[in-house]
Amino acid sequence: MYLGGMLLFLGAPLLLGSVYGLTMGVFLSILFVGRIMGEEKMLGEELEGYVDYKKKVKYRLIPYIW
């Protein structure tokens, strides 16, 4: 879901040629990354078995990168 949102926030301004929209897309993508990190921390603390799941699934957002 997060990757789809980021692609939308970055792709639409590129398609429309909007520099301001692209700037907002980059800003929103950075906010998404912060949210992902906070969500992972909370899930690791509160959800039983999530730490083991994280060991199996290595990539959070972009396969083979992060």
Protein backbone atom coordinates (compact mmCIF):
# COMPACT_ATOMS: atom_id res chain seq x y z
CA MET A 1 0.00 0.00 0.00
CA TYR A 2 2.77 2.42 0.93
CA LEU A 3 4.72 1.73 -2.26
CA GLY A 4 1.58 2.28 -4.34
CA GLY A 5 0.94 5.59 -2.63
CA MET A 6 4.51 6.72 -3.16
CA LEU A 7 4.34 5.80 -6.85
CA LEU A 8 1.13 7.78 -7.15
CA PHE A 9 2.54 10.82 -5.32
CA LEU A 10 5.66 10.83 -7.50
CA GLY A 11 4.26 9.56 -10.80
CA ALA A 12 1.28 11.88 -11.22
CA PRO A 13 3.33 15.11 -10.96
CA LEU A 14 5.88 13.68 -13.38
CA LEU A 15 3.11 12.84 -15.83
CA LEU A 16 1.61 16.32 -15.49
CA GLY A 17 4.95 18.14 -15.46
CA SER A 18 4.39 19.76 -12.07
CA VAL A 19 7.53 20.70 -10.16
CA TYR A 20 5.51 21.74 -7.10
CA GLY A 21 3.61 18.47 -7.16
CA LEU A 22 6.85 16.53 -7.42
CA THR A 23 8.23 18.45 -4.44
CA MET A 24 5.15 17.53 -2.42
CA GLY A 25 5.46 13.92 -3.59
CA VAL A 26 9.03 13.72 -2.33
CA PHE A 27 7.96 15.25 0.99
CA LEU A 28 5.06 12.80 1.36
CA SER A 29 7.35 9.89 0.49
CA ILE A 30 9.71 10.92 3.27
CA LEU A 31 6.75 11.04 5.65
CA PHE A 32 5.74 7.54 4.55
CA VAL A 33 9.22 6.20 5.32
CA GLY A 34 9.02 7.72 8.80
CA ARG A 35 5.60 6.18 9.31
CA ILE A 36 6.85 2.78 8.18
CA MET A 37 9.70 2.88 10.67
CA GLY A 38 7.42 3.94 13.52
CA GLU A 39 4.86 1.31 12.61
CA GLU A 40 7.52 -1.41 12.53
CA LYS A 41 8.76 -0.38 15.97
CA MET A 42 5.25 -0.45 17.41
CA LEU A 43 4.45 -3.81 15.83
CA GLY A 44 7.68 -5.31 17.14
CA GLU A 45 6.80 -4.21 20.67
CA GLU A 46 3.09 -5.03 20.68
CA LEU A 47 2.45 -7.86 18.22
CA GLU A 48 3.53 -11.33 19.23
CA GLY A 49 5.56 -13.06 16.53
CA TYR A 50 6.30 -9.92 14.51
CA VAL A 51 10.03 -10.02 15.28
CA ASP A 52 10.20 -13.54 13.81
CA TYR A 53 8.22 -12.35 10.78
CA LYS A 54 10.71 -9.52 10.23
CA LYS A 55 13.54 -12.05 10.17
CA LYS A 56 11.79 -13.94 7.35
CA VAL A 57 10.74 -10.87 5.34
CA LYS A 58 13.83 -8.74 4.82
CA TYR A 59 12.51 -5.95 2.61
CA ARG A 60 10.00 -3.37 3.80
CA LEU A 61 9.18 -1.25 0.79
CA ILE A 62 11.34 -1.87 -2.28
CA PRO A 63 12.30 -5.50 -3.01
CA TYR A 64 16.05 -6.21 -2.83
CA ILE A 65 16.76 -2.61 -1.71
CA TRP A 66 14.93 -1.74 1.55
